[in-house]
């Protein structure tokens, strides 16, 4: 096997391992929404993008909020 073929196969396997089902993504978005609602008045559900690039995951979370909620900061 040529080194280029091996690298392509490695990337394909990593990509398959990374692939998330729609159900998994929905669960993460629900969890994110619950946490974000503690700090923001959301005007919709967050969106989530997960991509595998150069040996690591790039995770992007996007959401819109109408306002910030007040919250207390715990002393260190």
C-alpha atoms as a PDB file:
ATOM      1  CA  UNK A   1       0.000   0.000   0.000  1.00  0.00           C
ATOM      2  CA  UNK A   2       1.366   3.411  -0.942  1.00  0.00           C
ATOM      3  CA  UNK A   3       1.808   5.988   1.822  1.00  0.00           C
ATOM      4  CA  UNK A   4      -0.765   8.292   0.166  1.00  0.00           C
ATOM      5  CA  UNK A   5      -3.315   5.463   0.160  1.00  0.00           C
ATOM      6  CA  UNK A   6      -2.595   4.695   3.816  1.00  0.00           C
ATOM      7  CA  UNK A   7      -3.078   8.341   4.773  1.00  0.00           C
ATOM      8  CA  UNK A   8      -6.357   8.519   2.868  1.00  0.00           C
ATOM      9  CA  UNK A   9      -7.562   5.323   4.577  1.00  0.00           C
ATOM     10  CA  UNK A  10      -6.556   6.692   7.999  1.00  0.00           C
ATOM     11  CA  UNK A  11      -8.529   9.892   7.352  1.00  0.00           C
ATOM     12  CA  UNK A  12     -11.572   7.921   6.187  1.00  0.00           C
ATOM     13  CA  UNK A  13     -11.513   5.796   9.355  1.00  0.00           C
ATOM     14  CA  UNK A  14     -11.135   8.885  11.570  1.00  0.00           C
ATOM     15  CA  UNK A  15     -13.990  10.578   9.747  1.00  0.00           C
ATOM     16  CA  UNK A  16     -16.257   7.556  10.215  1.00  0.00           C
ATOM     17  CA  UNK A  17     -15.383   7.391  13.905  1.00  0.00           C
ATOM     18  CA  UNK A  18     -16.200  11.092  14.317  1.00  0.00           C
ATOM     19  CA  UNK A  19     -19.551  11.015  12.551  1.00  0.00           C
ATOM     20  CA  UNK A  20     -22.376  11.778  14.907  1.00  0.00           C
ATOM     21  CA  UNK A  21     -25.930  10.734  14.479  1.00  0.00           C
ATOM     22  CA  UNK A  22     -28.714  13.283  14.325  1.00  0.00           C
ATOM     23  CA  UNK A  23     -29.904  12.022  17.708  1.00  0.00           C
ATOM     24  CA  UNK A  24     -26.486  12.665  19.282  1.00  0.00           C
ATOM     25  CA  UNK A  25     -26.406  16.194  17.899  1.00  0.00           C
ATOM     26  CA  UNK A  26     -29.940  16.867  19.149  1.00  0.00           C
ATOM     27  CA  UNK A  27     -28.991  15.736  22.672  1.00  0.00           C
ATOM     28  CA  UNK A  28     -25.961  18.028  22.734  1.00  0.00           C
ATOM     29  CA  UNK A  29     -28.028  20.973  21.473  1.00  0.00           C
ATOM     30  CA  UNK A  30     -30.652  20.347  24.188  1.00  0.00           C
ATOM     31  CA  UNK A  31     -27.940  20.311  26.863  1.00  0.00           C
ATOM     32  CA  UNK A  32     -26.380  23.486  25.475  1.00  0.00           C
ATOM     33  CA  UNK A  33     -29.753  25.211  25.387  1.00  0.00           C
ATOM     34  CA  UNK A  34     -30.373  24.335  29.052  1.00  0.00           C
ATOM     35  CA  UNK A  35     -27.024  25.797  30.130  1.00  0.00           C
ATOM     36  CA  UNK A  36     -27.264  28.881  27.907  1.00  0.00           C
ATOM     37  CA  UNK A  37     -30.719  29.704  29.285  1.00  0.00           C
ATOM     38  CA  UNK A  38     -29.073  30.254  32.678  1.00  0.00           C
ATOM     39  CA  UNK A  39     -27.132  33.202  31.229  1.00  0.00           C
ATOM     40  CA  UNK A  40     -29.139  34.467  28.239  1.00  0.00           C
ATOM     41  CA  UNK A  41     -32.726  35.007  27.140  1.00  0.00           C
ATOM     42  CA  UNK A  42     -32.541  32.905  23.979  1.00  0.00           C
ATOM     43  CA  UNK A  43     -34.545  33.856  20.914  1.00  0.00           C
ATOM     44  CA  UNK A  44     -34.218  30.414  19.340  1.00  0.00           C
ATOM     45  CA  UNK A  45     -32.421  27.119  19.641  1.00  0.00           C
ATOM     46  CA  UNK A  46     -28.626  26.996  19.339  1.00  0.00           C
ATOM     47  CA  UNK A  47     -27.028  25.397  16.302  1.00  0.00           C
ATOM     48  CA  UNK A  48     -24.038  23.093  16.486  1.00  0.00           C
ATOM     49  CA  UNK A  49     -21.364  22.245  13.942  1.00  0.00           C
ATOM     50  CA  UNK A  50     -18.668  19.615  14.576  1.00  0.00           C
ATOM     51  CA  UNK A  51     -15.908  19.042  12.023  1.00  0.00           C
ATOM     52  CA  UNK A  52     -12.722  16.993  12.171  1.00  0.00           C
ATOM     53  CA  UNK A  53      -9.712  18.794  10.731  1.00  0.00           C
ATOM     54  CA  UNK A  54      -5.969  18.234  11.029  1.00  0.00           C
ATOM     55  CA  UNK A  55      -6.223  15.807  13.920  1.00  0.00           C
ATOM     56  CA  UNK A  56      -8.669  17.757  16.083  1.00  0.00           C
ATOM     57  CA  UNK A  57     -12.307  18.707  16.270  1.00  0.00           C
ATOM     58  CA  UNK A  58     -13.582  22.155  15.404  1.00  0.00           C
ATOM     59  CA  UNK A  59     -16.800  22.786  17.344  1.00  0.00           C
ATOM     60  CA  UNK A  60     -18.912  25.845  16.576  1.00  0.00           C
ATOM     61  CA  UNK A  61     -21.946  26.834  18.630  1.00  0.00           C
ATOM     62  CA  UNK A  62     -24.173  29.628  17.356  1.00  0.00           C
ATOM     63  CA  UNK A  63     -27.178  31.136  19.080  1.00  0.00           C
ATOM     64  CA  UNK A  64     -29.159  34.378  19.290  1.00  0.00           C
ATOM     65  CA  UNK A  65     -30.160  36.007  22.532  1.00  0.00           C
ATOM     66  CA  UNK A  66     -32.472  38.929  23.265  1.00  0.00           C
ATOM     67  CA  UNK A  67     -30.847  39.745  26.593  1.00  0.00           C
ATOM     68  CA  UNK A  68     -28.248  38.804  29.160  1.00  0.00           C
ATOM     69  CA  UNK A  69     -29.522  37.518  32.466  1.00  0.00           C
ATOM     70  CA  UNK A  70     -28.045  38.797  35.680  1.00  0.00           C
ATOM     71  CA  UNK A  71     -26.162  36.244  37.728  1.00  0.00           C
ATOM     72  CA  UNK A  72     -23.874  36.308  40.734  1.00  0.00           C
ATOM     73  CA  UNK A  73     -20.208  35.402  40.549  1.00  0.00           C
ATOM     74  CA  UNK A  74     -18.979  33.101  43.275  1.00  0.00           C
ATOM     75  CA  UNK A  75     -15.891  34.277  45.171  1.00  0.00           C
ATOM     76  CA  UNK A  76     -12.674  32.472  44.269  1.00  0.00           C
END
